[in-house]
């Protein structure tokens, strides 16, 4: 990555132990960069942070007619595979006349430690419904059924993925140079960091549009705002910080140190990437940027937990912490 800058650092005792370098962009819907750190032209995989853009065909095609706002939020989610998430995914698949064998995402253990332990004790199998991306894949199956396309919906030449690419490139205003396959087996398209930030600003400002894409973007954004517990889960930044924000905000993680934010009131989009792929540094940095933009109050205990998290050892003793780069929070 070219010219990354300090976004966050970890301390142990009085010393800095590690530094999280990366890039961040705050943009408007017209593509104007409000502020940036590092290289805004850096080519990136937004990974799961791009899920709202990937879900646009679900609403635009008419496939999503009749879906609840919970289902639409799940289509954009990296859920924690809590019971409520799994039950909703299974009901959705049942409504399609399918079961979890139709999901191409593969099995993934629940993030809910109590549930995961209970499943081990009972000998309950981890299935693809538990995959943190199973909501997105349920959405893809819904589009495939609506288009009467093959249920091999992760194939790059499938009509579902062609629709996803068109929506992604239109919203970023970029021709993607290519794609890689995500951890859930779905294609993930590359964009510049500034292109992703601007795309999310267009989602933030979608109410100003009257076309199908604008209405679809607003619908998905509002579903995520209404159901942050479906977007992530208990204890997760994407759910917890939304509850204490001073204005509506969508926060969404991507793998390998990626985070985004959608600010409808300010009509801004934010995208950041920690170059080394460390998620803790990305969480500190996105929280700091939300403080900088007035969305979060740094004095709030919930915000403190994410902007300056403590590092504890196995004995439960505090031995260090993480903090944003000087000045990042404003």
Protein backbone atom coordinates (compact mmCIF):
# COMPACT_ATOMS: atom_id res chain seq x y z
CA UNK A 1 0.00 0.00 0.00
CA UNK A 2 1.33 3.44 -0.94
CA UNK A 3 2.03 6.04 1.75
CA UNK A 4 -0.14 4.82 4.64
CA UNK A 5 -0.28 7.04 7.73
CA UNK A 6 -0.77 6.34 11.42
CA UNK A 7 -4.43 5.69 12.29
CA UNK A 8 -4.10 3.95 15.67
CA UNK A 9 -1.50 2.49 18.00
CA UNK A 10 -1.33 -0.10 20.76
CA UNK A 11 0.50 0.47 24.02
CA UNK A 12 1.88 -1.91 26.62
CA UNK A 13 2.81 -0.22 29.86
CA UNK A 14 4.21 3.23 28.99
CA UNK A 15 5.49 2.14 25.56
CA UNK A 16 3.99 2.01 22.08
CA UNK A 17 4.07 -1.68 21.10
CA UNK A 18 2.54 -1.57 17.61
CA UNK A 19 1.27 0.93 15.10
CA UNK A 20 -1.69 0.57 12.76
CA UNK A 21 -1.04 2.42 9.49
CA UNK A 22 -3.60 2.92 6.77
CA UNK A 23 -5.81 5.20 4.74
CA UNK A 24 -9.13 6.97 5.36
CA UNK A 25 -11.47 9.15 3.31
CA UNK A 26 -14.51 11.28 4.16
CA UNK A 27 -16.41 12.14 0.97
CA UNK A 28 -19.57 13.78 -0.37
CA UNK A 29 -21.97 12.34 -2.92
CA UNK A 30 -20.47 14.42 -5.73
CA UNK A 31 -17.13 12.72 -5.10
CA UNK A 32 -15.59 15.69 -3.30
CA UNK A 33 -13.13 14.62 -0.62
CA UNK A 34 -13.85 16.44 2.64
CA UNK A 35 -10.81 15.04 4.46
CA UNK A 36 -8.38 12.21 3.82
CA UNK A 37 -5.48 10.47 5.49
CA UNK A 38 -2.93 8.50 3.52
CA UNK A 39 -3.73 7.71 -0.12
CA UNK A 40 -7.38 8.18 -1.19
CA UNK A 41 -6.61 6.51 -4.54
CA UNK A 42 -5.53 3.26 -2.89
CA UNK A 43 -7.17 0.24 -4.53
CA UNK A 44 -9.00 -1.81 -1.92
CA UNK A 45 -11.34 -4.69 -1.28
CA UNK A 46 -14.13 -3.33 0.90
CA UNK A 47 -15.07 -6.95 1.64
CA UNK A 48 -18.23 -7.12 3.78
CA UNK A 49 -18.38 -3.33 4.05
CA UNK A 50 -19.69 -3.36 0.46
CA UNK A 51 -22.77 -5.45 1.29
CA UNK A 52 -25.30 -2.65 0.94
CA UNK A 53 -24.07 -2.03 -2.61
CA UNK A 54 -24.19 -5.77 -3.31
CA UNK A 55 -27.79 -5.87 -2.07
CA UNK A 56 -29.05 -3.16 -4.43
CA UNK A 57 -30.26 -5.66 -7.09
CA UNK A 58 -32.39 -7.37 -4.42
CA UNK A 59 -34.53 -4.22 -4.13
CA UNK A 60 -34.15 -2.82 -7.66
CA UNK A 61 -35.19 -6.01 -9.44
CA UNK A 62 -38.39 -6.36 -7.46
CA UNK A 63 -37.13 -9.63 -5.96
CA UNK A 64 -37.31 -8.11 -2.50
CA UNK A 65 -40.97 -7.13 -2.64
CA UNK A 66 -42.60 -8.48 0.48
CA UNK A 67 -39.37 -8.87 2.43
CA UNK A 68 -39.33 -7.38 5.91
CA UNK A 69 -36.93 -4.63 6.93
CA UNK A 70 -35.23 -7.24 9.14
CA UNK A 71 -34.55 -9.36 6.07
CA UNK A 72 -33.21 -6.38 4.14
CA UNK A 73 -30.88 -5.54 7.04
CA UNK A 74 -29.71 -9.17 7.11
CA UNK A 75 -28.94 -8.95 3.39
CA UNK A 76 -26.44 -6.20 4.28
CA UNK A 77 -25.18 -7.85 7.46
CA UNK A 78 -22.16 -9.60 8.89
CA UNK A 79 -24.26 -11.02 11.68
CA UNK A 80 -22.91 -12.79 14.76
CA UNK A 81 -24.81 -16.03 14.10
CA UNK A 82 -26.87 -15.62 17.25
CA UNK A 83 -30.03 -17.71 17.46
CA UNK A 84 -32.17 -14.80 16.25
CA UNK A 85 -30.01 -14.47 13.12
CA UNK A 86 -30.02 -18.18 12.32
CA UNK A 87 -33.75 -18.54 12.83
CA UNK A 88 -34.45 -15.58 10.53
CA UNK A 89 -32.17 -16.93 7.80
CA UNK A 90 -33.77 -20.37 7.98
CA UNK A 91 -37.27 -18.89 7.76
CA UNK A 92 -36.19 -16.83 4.75
CA UNK A 93 -34.82 -19.88 2.98
CA UNK A 94 -38.05 -21.74 3.79
CA UNK A 95 -40.04 -18.95 2.18
CA UNK A 96 -37.99 -19.60 -0.97
CA UNK A 97 -38.71 -23.34 -0.78
CA UNK A 98 -35.03 -23.94 -0.01
CA UNK A 99 -32.86 -24.92 2.92
CA UNK A 100 -29.34 -24.05 3.97
CA UNK A 101 -27.84 -26.54 1.51
CA UNK A 102 -28.60 -23.93 -1.17
CA UNK A 103 -26.20 -21.46 0.46
CA UNK A 104 -22.78 -21.27 -1.17
CA UNK A 105 -21.09 -19.52 1.76
CA UNK A 106 -19.94 -22.56 3.75
CA UNK A 107 -20.26 -23.22 7.49
CA UNK A 108 -18.78 -20.83 10.07
CA UNK A 109 -18.91 -21.06 13.89
CA UNK A 110 -21.17 -18.65 15.76
CA UNK A 111 -19.60 -15.53 17.29
CA UNK A 112 -21.93 -16.11 20.26
CA UNK A 113 -19.58 -17.98 22.62
CA UNK A 114 -22.39 -19.40 24.77
CA UNK A 115 -24.24 -20.67 21.73
CA UNK A 116 -21.06 -22.14 20.23
CA UNK A 117 -20.29 -23.97 23.49
CA UNK A 118 -23.87 -25.19 23.78
CA UNK A 119 -23.73 -26.54 20.23
CA UNK A 120 -20.55 -28.46 21.04
CA UNK A 121 -22.13 -29.99 24.14
CA UNK A 122 -25.24 -31.03 22.19
CA UNK A 123 -23.33 -32.17 19.12
CA UNK A 124 -25.23 -29.68 16.94
CA UNK A 125 -23.67 -29.24 13.52
CA UNK A 126 -22.41 -25.89 12.31
CA UNK A 127 -24.10 -25.31 8.95
CA UNK A 128 -23.98 -22.63 6.28
CA UNK A 129 -26.87 -20.79 7.96
CA UNK A 130 -24.37 -19.87 10.69
CA UNK A 131 -22.06 -18.19 8.20
CA UNK A 132 -21.84 -14.50 9.06
CA UNK A 133 -22.73 -13.73 5.42
CA UNK A 134 -25.75 -16.05 5.18
CA UNK A 135 -28.12 -13.06 5.03
CA UNK A 136 -26.37 -11.70 1.95
CA UNK A 137 -26.46 -15.13 0.35
CA UNK A 138 -30.17 -15.49 1.12
CA UNK A 139 -30.62 -12.22 -0.73
CA UNK A 140 -28.63 -13.52 -3.69
CA UNK A 141 -30.80 -16.65 -3.79
CA UNK A 142 -33.91 -14.45 -3.75
CA UNK A 143 -32.61 -12.49 -6.76
CA UNK A 144 -31.62 -15.68 -8.58
CA UNK A 145 -35.11 -17.13 -8.12
CA UNK A 146 -36.71 -13.87 -9.27
CA UNK A 147 -34.53 -13.74 -12.40
CA UNK A 148 -35.00 -17.49 -13.00
CA UNK A 149 -31.23 -17.77 -13.00
CA UNK A 150 -29.03 -20.63 -11.88
CA UNK A 151 -28.76 -21.01 -8.11
CA UNK A 152 -24.99 -21.03 -8.60
CA UNK A 153 -25.29 -17.35 -7.79
CA UNK A 154 -21.60 -16.82 -6.88
CA UNK A 155 -20.46 -17.57 -10.43
CA UNK A 156 -19.06 -14.34 -11.86
CA UNK A 157 -21.10 -14.84 -15.05
CA UNK A 158 -24.38 -15.44 -13.19
CA UNK A 159 -26.98 -12.69 -13.82
CA UNK A 160 -26.95 -11.99 -10.06
CA UNK A 161 -23.26 -11.10 -10.07
CA UNK A 162 -23.56 -9.14 -13.29
CA UNK A 163 -26.23 -7.02 -11.61
CA UNK A 164 -24.06 -6.63 -8.50
CA UNK A 165 -21.08 -5.46 -10.56
CA UNK A 166 -23.17 -2.93 -12.47
CA UNK A 167 -24.56 -1.49 -9.24
CA UNK A 168 -21.11 -1.42 -7.60
CA UNK A 169 -19.50 0.39 -10.53
CA UNK A 170 -22.36 2.84 -10.86
CA UNK A 171 -22.28 3.77 -7.18
CA UNK A 172 -18.49 4.10 -7.02
CA UNK A 173 -18.41 5.86 -10.42
CA UNK A 174 -15.48 3.61 -11.30
CA UNK A 175 -14.85 0.70 -13.64
CA UNK A 176 -13.63 -1.95 -11.24
CA UNK A 177 -10.22 -3.32 -12.28
CA UNK A 178 -11.23 -6.77 -11.11
CA UNK A 179 -12.42 -8.98 -8.31
CA UNK A 180 -11.41 -11.66 -5.84
CA UNK A 181 -13.54 -14.22 -4.03
CA UNK A 182 -14.52 -13.35 -0.49
CA UNK A 183 -14.37 -15.68 2.50
CA UNK A 184 -18.01 -16.55 1.81
CA UNK A 185 -17.21 -17.53 -1.83
CA UNK A 186 -18.96 -14.50 -3.38
CA UNK A 187 -17.08 -12.18 -5.77
CA UNK A 188 -15.80 -8.97 -4.20
CA UNK A 189 -14.99 -6.12 -6.54
CA UNK A 190 -12.08 -3.70 -6.19
CA UNK A 191 -12.47 0.09 -6.04
CA UNK A 192 -10.45 3.03 -4.88
CA UNK A 193 -10.91 4.02 -1.26
CA UNK A 194 -12.30 7.40 -2.33
CA UNK A 195 -14.70 5.65 -4.72
CA UNK A 196 -16.08 3.56 -1.87
CA UNK A 197 -16.43 6.59 0.43
CA UNK A 198 -18.26 8.51 -2.31
CA UNK A 199 -20.53 5.53 -3.02
CA UNK A 200 -21.58 5.48 0.61
CA UNK A 201 -22.12 9.24 0.57
CA UNK A 202 -24.51 8.62 -2.35
CA UNK A 203 -26.34 6.16 -0.11
CA UNK A 204 -26.41 8.80 2.64
CA UNK A 205 -27.90 11.33 0.22
CA UNK A 206 -30.18 8.85 -1.57
CA UNK A 207 -33.34 10.68 -0.47
CA UNK A 208 -32.41 13.43 -2.90
CA UNK A 209 -32.86 10.99 -5.80
CA UNK A 210 -36.15 9.81 -7.27
CA UNK A 211 -34.86 6.99 -9.48
CA UNK A 212 -35.03 3.27 -8.77
CA UNK A 213 -31.42 3.06 -7.57
CA UNK A 214 -31.82 5.99 -5.21
CA UNK A 215 -34.97 4.51 -3.69
CA UNK A 216 -33.30 1.12 -3.33
CA UNK A 217 -30.25 2.64 -1.61
CA UNK A 218 -32.48 4.56 0.81
CA UNK A 219 -34.56 1.46 1.53
CA UNK A 220 -31.52 -0.64 2.43
CA UNK A 221 -29.92 2.16 4.43
CA UNK A 222 -33.11 2.67 6.44
CA UNK A 223 -33.39 -1.07 7.10
CA UNK A 224 -29.86 -1.07 8.52
CA UNK A 225 -30.68 1.98 10.64
CA UNK A 226 -33.81 0.28 11.96
CA UNK A 227 -32.15 -3.05 12.77
CA UNK A 228 -28.52 -2.62 13.84
CA UNK A 229 -28.92 -5.81 15.89
CA UNK A 230 -29.35 -7.68 12.61
CA UNK A 231 -26.38 -5.94 10.97
CA UNK A 232 -23.98 -7.26 13.63
CA UNK A 233 -25.01 -8.41 17.11
CA UNK A 234 -24.52 -8.18 20.84
CA UNK A 235 -21.39 -6.29 21.87
CA UNK A 236 -20.34 -5.47 18.30
CA UNK A 237 -19.31 -1.96 17.25
CA UNK A 238 -21.73 -1.92 14.29
CA UNK A 239 -24.62 -2.41 16.73
CA UNK A 240 -23.47 -0.81 19.99
CA UNK A 241 -22.28 2.58 18.69
CA UNK A 242 -25.39 3.11 16.56
CA UNK A 243 -27.45 2.98 19.78
CA UNK A 244 -25.52 5.85 21.41
CA UNK A 245 -24.99 8.02 18.33
CA UNK A 246 -26.22 11.62 18.36
CA UNK A 247 -27.59 11.29 14.83
CA UNK A 248 -28.51 8.41 12.52
CA UNK A 249 -25.47 6.47 11.33
CA UNK A 250 -24.79 3.15 9.66
CA UNK A 251 -21.50 1.53 10.66
CA UNK A 252 -20.31 -1.55 8.80
CA UNK A 253 -17.23 -3.69 9.11
CA UNK A 254 -15.32 -5.42 6.37
CA UNK A 255 -12.67 -8.08 6.88
CA UNK A 256 -8.96 -7.33 7.11
CA UNK A 257 -9.12 -3.90 8.68
CA UNK A 258 -11.88 -2.24 6.63
CA UNK A 259 -14.66 -0.04 8.02
CA UNK A 260 -17.26 2.30 6.54
CA UNK A 261 -19.87 4.74 7.79
CA UNK A 262 -22.97 6.29 6.22
CA UNK A 263 -24.13 9.62 7.68
CA UNK A 264 -27.57 10.58 6.25
CA UNK A 265 -27.88 13.88 8.16
CA UNK A 266 -24.49 15.15 6.99
CA UNK A 267 -24.75 13.34 3.62
CA UNK A 268 -21.26 11.94 4.03
CA UNK A 269 -19.60 8.59 3.44
CA UNK A 270 -16.51 7.37 5.27
CA UNK A 271 -14.20 4.51 4.31
CA UNK A 272 -10.96 3.40 5.92
CA UNK A 273 -8.47 0.59 5.52
CA UNK A 274 -5.76 -0.46 7.97
CA UNK A 275 -2.89 -1.53 5.74
CA UNK A 276 -1.85 -4.47 7.90
CA UNK A 277 -5.42 -5.79 8.01
CA UNK A 278 -5.82 -5.46 11.79
CA UNK A 279 -9.47 -5.16 12.80
CA UNK A 280 -8.79 -3.62 16.28
CA UNK A 281 -6.98 -0.69 14.70
CA UNK A 282 -9.80 -0.20 12.21
CA UNK A 283 -12.40 -0.17 15.00
CA UNK A 284 -10.47 2.46 16.96
CA UNK A 285 -10.01 4.60 13.84
CA UNK A 286 -13.65 4.53 12.67
CA UNK A 287 -14.85 5.38 16.18
CA UNK A 288 -12.41 8.30 16.33
CA UNK A 289 -13.65 9.60 12.98
CA UNK A 290 -17.25 9.45 14.19
CA UNK A 291 -16.18 11.55 17.20
CA UNK A 292 -14.45 13.95 14.81
CA UNK A 293 -17.67 14.34 12.80
CA UNK A 294 -19.79 14.93 15.90
CA UNK A 295 -21.70 11.67 15.57
CA UNK A 296 -20.38 10.23 18.84
CA UNK A 297 -19.57 11.77 22.22
CA UNK A 298 -16.08 10.68 23.25
CA UNK A 299 -17.07 10.89 26.92
CA UNK A 300 -19.78 8.24 26.54
CA UNK A 301 -18.64 5.00 28.23
CA UNK A 302 -19.76 2.89 25.25
CA UNK A 303 -17.73 5.08 22.90
CA UNK A 304 -14.74 4.90 25.24
CA UNK A 305 -14.87 1.12 25.04
CA UNK A 306 -14.26 1.27 21.29
CA UNK A 307 -12.09 4.37 20.85
CA UNK A 308 -9.61 3.50 23.62
CA UNK A 309 -10.13 -0.21 24.35
CA UNK A 310 -8.11 -1.80 27.13
CA UNK A 311 -5.73 -4.68 26.63
CA UNK A 312 -5.94 -7.24 29.45
CA UNK A 313 -3.92 -10.37 30.09
CA UNK A 314 -5.15 -13.87 30.97
CA UNK A 315 -5.29 -12.90 34.65
CA UNK A 316 -7.65 -10.06 33.82
CA UNK A 317 -5.06 -7.36 34.51
CA UNK A 318 -4.98 -4.23 32.34
CA UNK A 319 -1.59 -4.20 30.64
CA UNK A 320 -2.11 -1.72 27.81
CA UNK A 321 -4.60 -0.34 25.34
CA UNK A 322 -5.31 1.04 21.91
CA UNK A 323 -5.77 4.69 20.99
CA UNK A 324 -6.37 6.66 17.80
CA UNK A 325 -3.58 8.63 16.18
CA UNK A 326 -3.14 12.11 17.67
CA UNK A 327 -5.74 14.49 16.24
CA UNK A 328 -7.78 11.82 14.44
CA UNK A 329 -10.77 12.34 16.71
CA UNK A 330 -10.58 16.10 16.22
